[in-house]
Amino acid sequence: MTIRRLVLSLPLMFAGWLAVLVAVGLISDAAPAYVVPLPPGDLIGRLDPDISVMATGDYSVTLTSDQPGVARRLYAAGAWLVLPAGLPGCLPLPAS
C-alpha cells in the first residue's frame, strides 16, 4: 500500500513543482535567464532581437533578456516549456 502511494505521489509532486516553475516564469521577471528544454529547431530564428542566447546544449537552450515578459515571448516564439534559471531559491546563500 505504501509503495503504491509513493509511486502515485512522486509524479504528482514533480508535476506540481514544474507548474510552480512555469507560473514563476510567467508571473514574475525575477529570473535572470530561462531554459527551454527540447527547443524546436527554428526557435532561435523566431526570437525577438533583445533576447540573447547564453548557452546551448544537445537538449536545451538558455536565454536571457533585459526586457520584461521573456517567458511569454518565448512561448509565442514556439517554445513548449520555459523554465526560469538562475534564481537563488527559497534560502539565501551564505556569504563567502
N, C-alpha and C. Protein backbone atom coordinates (compact mmCIF):
# COMPACT_ATOMS: atom_id res chain seq x y z
N MET A 1 0.82 -1.19 0.00
CA MET A 1 0.00 0.00 0.00
C MET A 1 0.86 1.26 0.00
N THR A 2 1.94 1.27 0.77
CA THR A 2 2.79 2.45 0.86
C THR A 2 3.56 2.68 -0.43
N ILE A 3 4.03 1.61 -1.05
CA ILE A 3 4.77 1.75 -2.30
C ILE A 3 3.84 2.29 -3.40
N ARG A 4 2.62 1.84 -3.44
CA ARG A 4 1.67 2.32 -4.44
C ARG A 4 1.41 3.82 -4.25
N ARG A 5 1.26 4.25 -3.02
CA ARG A 5 1.07 5.68 -2.75
C ARG A 5 2.29 6.50 -3.16
N LEU A 6 3.46 5.97 -2.90
CA LEU A 6 4.69 6.65 -3.27
C LEU A 6 4.82 6.75 -4.78
N VAL A 7 4.52 5.66 -5.48
CA VAL A 7 4.60 5.66 -6.94
C VAL A 7 3.59 6.65 -7.54
N LEU A 8 2.45 6.81 -6.92
CA LEU A 8 1.45 7.75 -7.40
C LEU A 8 1.77 9.19 -7.01
N SER A 9 2.35 9.39 -5.83
CA SER A 9 2.57 10.75 -5.35
C SER A 9 3.81 11.41 -5.96
N LEU A 10 4.84 10.66 -6.29
CA LEU A 10 6.05 11.27 -6.87
C LEU A 10 5.79 11.96 -8.21
N PRO A 11 5.09 11.35 -9.16
CA PRO A 11 4.79 12.09 -10.39
C PRO A 11 3.92 13.32 -10.16
N LEU A 12 2.99 13.24 -9.21
CA LEU A 12 2.16 14.40 -8.89
C LEU A 12 2.99 15.52 -8.27
N MET A 13 3.94 15.16 -7.42
CA MET A 13 4.81 16.16 -6.81
C MET A 13 5.69 16.81 -7.89
N PHE A 14 6.21 16.02 -8.82
CA PHE A 14 7.03 16.54 -9.91
C PHE A 14 6.21 17.48 -10.79
N ALA A 15 4.99 17.10 -11.12
CA ALA A 15 4.12 17.94 -11.94
C ALA A 15 3.78 19.25 -11.22
N GLY A 16 3.56 19.19 -9.93
CA GLY A 16 3.31 20.40 -9.15
C GLY A 16 4.52 21.32 -9.12
N TRP A 17 5.70 20.74 -8.96
CA TRP A 17 6.94 21.52 -8.96
C TRP A 17 7.13 22.20 -10.31
N LEU A 18 6.89 21.48 -11.38
CA LEU A 18 7.01 22.05 -12.72
C LEU A 18 5.99 23.17 -12.92
N ALA A 19 4.77 22.98 -12.44
CA ALA A 19 3.74 24.01 -12.56
C ALA A 19 4.13 25.28 -11.81
N VAL A 20 4.74 25.14 -10.65
CA VAL A 20 5.20 26.31 -9.90
C VAL A 20 6.30 27.03 -10.68
N LEU A 21 7.23 26.31 -11.27
CA LEU A 21 8.28 26.93 -12.05
C LEU A 21 7.72 27.68 -13.26
N VAL A 22 6.79 27.06 -13.95
CA VAL A 22 6.17 27.72 -15.11
C VAL A 22 5.44 28.98 -14.66
N ALA A 23 4.71 28.90 -13.55
CA ALA A 23 3.98 30.07 -13.05
C ALA A 23 4.94 31.20 -12.65
N VAL A 24 6.04 30.86 -12.00
CA VAL A 24 7.03 31.88 -11.62
C VAL A 24 7.59 32.55 -12.87
N GLY A 25 7.86 31.77 -13.91
CA GLY A 25 8.38 32.34 -15.15
C GLY A 25 7.39 33.26 -15.83
N LEU A 26 6.12 32.92 -15.77
CA LEU A 26 5.10 33.73 -16.44
C LEU A 26 4.68 34.95 -15.63
N ILE A 27 4.64 34.83 -14.32
CA ILE A 27 4.13 35.90 -13.47
C ILE A 27 5.18 36.95 -13.15
N SER A 28 6.41 36.51 -12.88
CA SER A 28 7.43 37.47 -12.48
C SER A 28 8.59 37.47 -13.46
N ASP A 29 9.32 38.55 -13.44
CA ASP A 29 10.53 38.66 -14.26
C ASP A 29 11.77 38.60 -13.37
N ALA A 30 11.68 37.84 -12.28
CA ALA A 30 12.78 37.76 -11.32
C ALA A 30 13.95 36.91 -11.81
N ALA A 31 13.69 35.99 -12.70
CA ALA A 31 14.76 35.09 -13.16
C ALA A 31 15.70 35.84 -14.11
N PRO A 32 17.00 35.67 -13.93
CA PRO A 32 17.96 36.31 -14.84
C PRO A 32 18.04 35.62 -16.19
N ALA A 33 17.58 34.37 -16.28
CA ALA A 33 17.64 33.62 -17.54
C ALA A 33 16.51 32.61 -17.56
N TYR A 34 16.32 31.99 -18.74
CA TYR A 34 15.27 30.99 -18.92
C TYR A 34 15.83 29.83 -19.71
N VAL A 35 15.43 28.63 -19.33
CA VAL A 35 15.84 27.41 -20.03
C VAL A 35 14.66 26.87 -20.81
N VAL A 36 14.91 26.54 -22.08
CA VAL A 36 13.90 25.91 -22.92
C VAL A 36 14.38 24.50 -23.22
N PRO A 37 13.81 23.48 -22.55
CA PRO A 37 14.20 22.10 -22.86
C PRO A 37 13.59 21.63 -24.17
N LEU A 38 14.33 20.86 -24.91
CA LEU A 38 13.89 20.33 -26.20
C LEU A 38 13.30 21.42 -27.10
N PRO A 39 14.10 22.46 -27.41
CA PRO A 39 13.56 23.56 -28.21
C PRO A 39 13.29 23.14 -29.64
N PRO A 40 12.29 23.75 -30.27
CA PRO A 40 12.07 23.49 -31.70
C PRO A 40 13.28 23.98 -32.50
N GLY A 41 13.50 23.39 -33.64
CA GLY A 41 14.67 23.71 -34.45
C GLY A 41 14.74 25.15 -34.91
N ASP A 42 13.60 25.80 -35.10
CA ASP A 42 13.59 27.17 -35.60
C ASP A 42 13.36 28.20 -34.51
N LEU A 43 13.50 27.83 -33.25
CA LEU A 43 13.24 28.75 -32.14
C LEU A 43 14.19 29.95 -32.18
N ILE A 44 15.47 29.73 -32.38
CA ILE A 44 16.45 30.82 -32.35
C ILE A 44 16.13 31.87 -33.42
N GLY A 45 15.72 31.44 -34.57
CA GLY A 45 15.40 32.36 -35.64
C GLY A 45 14.14 33.16 -35.41
N ARG A 46 13.27 32.69 -34.53
CA ARG A 46 12.00 33.37 -34.27
C ARG A 46 12.02 34.23 -33.02
N LEU A 47 13.19 34.37 -32.39
CA LEU A 47 13.29 35.16 -31.16
C LEU A 47 13.30 36.65 -31.46
N ASP A 48 12.83 37.43 -30.49
CA ASP A 48 12.93 38.89 -30.60
C ASP A 48 14.40 39.29 -30.55
N PRO A 49 14.76 40.43 -31.15
CA PRO A 49 16.17 40.84 -31.20
C PRO A 49 16.81 41.09 -29.84
N ASP A 50 16.02 41.41 -28.81
CA ASP A 50 16.59 41.69 -27.50
C ASP A 50 16.85 40.43 -26.67
N ILE A 51 16.46 39.27 -27.14
CA ILE A 51 16.69 38.02 -26.41
C ILE A 51 18.02 37.43 -26.86
N SER A 52 18.88 37.19 -25.88
CA SER A 52 20.23 36.67 -26.16
C SER A 52 20.34 35.21 -25.77
N VAL A 53 21.09 34.46 -26.54
CA VAL A 53 21.36 33.06 -26.24
C VAL A 53 22.58 33.01 -25.35
N MET A 54 22.43 32.43 -24.16
CA MET A 54 23.54 32.31 -23.22
C MET A 54 24.30 31.00 -23.42
N ALA A 55 23.56 29.94 -23.64
CA ALA A 55 24.18 28.62 -23.80
C ALA A 55 23.24 27.72 -24.57
N THR A 56 23.82 26.80 -25.29
CA THR A 56 23.04 25.77 -25.97
C THR A 56 23.62 24.42 -25.63
N GLY A 57 22.77 23.44 -25.61
CA GLY A 57 23.18 22.07 -25.36
C GLY A 57 22.47 21.16 -26.34
N ASP A 58 22.68 19.88 -26.17
CA ASP A 58 22.02 18.92 -27.04
C ASP A 58 20.50 18.93 -26.85
N TYR A 59 20.07 19.23 -25.63
CA TYR A 59 18.65 19.12 -25.33
C TYR A 59 18.03 20.37 -24.75
N SER A 60 18.76 21.48 -24.70
CA SER A 60 18.20 22.70 -24.13
C SER A 60 18.94 23.93 -24.65
N VAL A 61 18.30 25.08 -24.46
CA VAL A 61 18.91 26.36 -24.77
C VAL A 61 18.58 27.31 -23.62
N THR A 62 19.57 28.11 -23.20
CA THR A 62 19.39 29.07 -22.13
C THR A 62 19.42 30.47 -22.72
N LEU A 63 18.40 31.26 -22.38
CA LEU A 63 18.23 32.57 -22.98
C LEU A 63 18.05 33.63 -21.91
N THR A 64 18.35 34.87 -22.25
CA THR A 64 18.15 35.98 -21.32
C THR A 64 17.77 37.24 -22.09
N SER A 65 17.21 38.20 -21.35
CA SER A 65 16.85 39.49 -21.93
C SER A 65 16.67 40.49 -20.80
N ASP A 66 16.91 41.75 -21.10
CA ASP A 66 16.68 42.81 -20.12
C ASP A 66 15.24 43.31 -20.15
N GLN A 67 14.50 42.95 -21.16
CA GLN A 67 13.12 43.40 -21.31
C GLN A 67 12.17 42.47 -20.54
N PRO A 68 11.02 42.97 -20.09
CA PRO A 68 10.07 42.13 -19.34
C PRO A 68 9.31 41.17 -20.25
N GLY A 69 8.71 40.17 -19.62
CA GLY A 69 7.85 39.23 -20.34
C GLY A 69 8.58 38.25 -21.22
N VAL A 70 9.77 37.84 -20.83
CA VAL A 70 10.58 36.95 -21.67
C VAL A 70 9.91 35.59 -21.83
N ALA A 71 9.40 35.03 -20.75
CA ALA A 71 8.79 33.70 -20.83
C ALA A 71 7.61 33.70 -21.79
N ARG A 72 6.77 34.71 -21.71
CA ARG A 72 5.61 34.79 -22.63
C ARG A 72 6.07 34.90 -24.08
N ARG A 73 7.12 35.68 -24.31
CA ARG A 73 7.61 35.85 -25.68
C ARG A 73 8.28 34.57 -26.19
N LEU A 74 8.88 33.78 -25.28
CA LEU A 74 9.45 32.50 -25.70
C LEU A 74 8.35 31.51 -26.08
N TYR A 75 7.27 31.51 -25.30
CA TYR A 75 6.13 30.66 -25.67
C TYR A 75 5.56 31.09 -27.02
N ALA A 76 5.48 32.40 -27.25
CA ALA A 76 4.96 32.90 -28.52
C ALA A 76 5.87 32.53 -29.69
N ALA A 77 7.18 32.39 -29.40
CA ALA A 77 8.13 32.02 -30.45
C ALA A 77 8.12 30.53 -30.76
N GLY A 78 7.41 29.74 -29.94
CA GLY A 78 7.29 28.32 -30.24
C GLY A 78 7.83 27.37 -29.20
N ALA A 79 8.34 27.89 -28.08
CA ALA A 79 8.83 27.00 -27.02
C ALA A 79 7.64 26.30 -26.36
N TRP A 80 7.78 25.02 -26.08
CA TRP A 80 6.67 24.29 -25.47
C TRP A 80 6.77 24.30 -23.95
N LEU A 81 7.98 24.58 -23.40
CA LEU A 81 8.17 24.66 -21.95
C LEU A 81 9.28 25.65 -21.69
N VAL A 82 9.04 26.61 -20.80
CA VAL A 82 10.03 27.62 -20.43
C VAL A 82 10.17 27.59 -18.92
N LEU A 83 11.40 27.37 -18.44
CA LEU A 83 11.66 27.29 -17.02
C LEU A 83 12.63 28.40 -16.60
N PRO A 84 12.37 29.05 -15.46
CA PRO A 84 13.30 30.07 -15.00
C PRO A 84 14.62 29.45 -14.57
N ALA A 85 15.71 30.17 -14.82
CA ALA A 85 17.05 29.68 -14.45
C ALA A 85 17.79 30.78 -13.70
N GLY A 86 18.61 30.37 -12.76
CA GLY A 86 19.46 31.32 -12.05
C GLY A 86 18.85 31.95 -10.82
N LEU A 87 17.67 31.48 -10.41
CA LEU A 87 17.08 32.01 -9.19
C LEU A 87 17.78 31.39 -7.98
N PRO A 88 17.99 32.15 -6.90
CA PRO A 88 18.72 31.61 -5.75
C PRO A 88 17.93 30.60 -4.94
N GLY A 89 16.63 30.54 -5.08
CA GLY A 89 15.82 29.58 -4.32
C GLY A 89 15.21 30.23 -3.10
N CYS A 90 14.70 29.42 -2.21
CA CYS A 90 13.99 29.92 -1.04
C CYS A 90 14.94 30.44 0.04
N LEU A 91 16.08 29.79 0.18
CA LEU A 91 17.03 30.16 1.22
C LEU A 91 18.16 31.01 0.64
N PRO A 92 18.56 32.07 1.32
CA PRO A 92 19.68 32.85 0.82
C PRO A 92 20.98 32.06 0.93
N LEU A 93 21.87 32.28 -0.03
CA LEU A 93 23.16 31.61 0.01
C LEU A 93 24.03 32.24 1.08
N PRO A 94 24.85 31.44 1.75
CA PRO A 94 25.74 32.03 2.77
C PRO A 94 26.81 32.90 2.11
N ALA A 95 27.16 33.97 2.79
CA ALA A 95 28.20 34.86 2.27
C ALA A 95 29.54 34.14 2.30
N SER A 96 30.30 34.29 1.22
CA SER A 96 31.60 33.60 1.18
C SER A 96 32.74 34.55 1.45
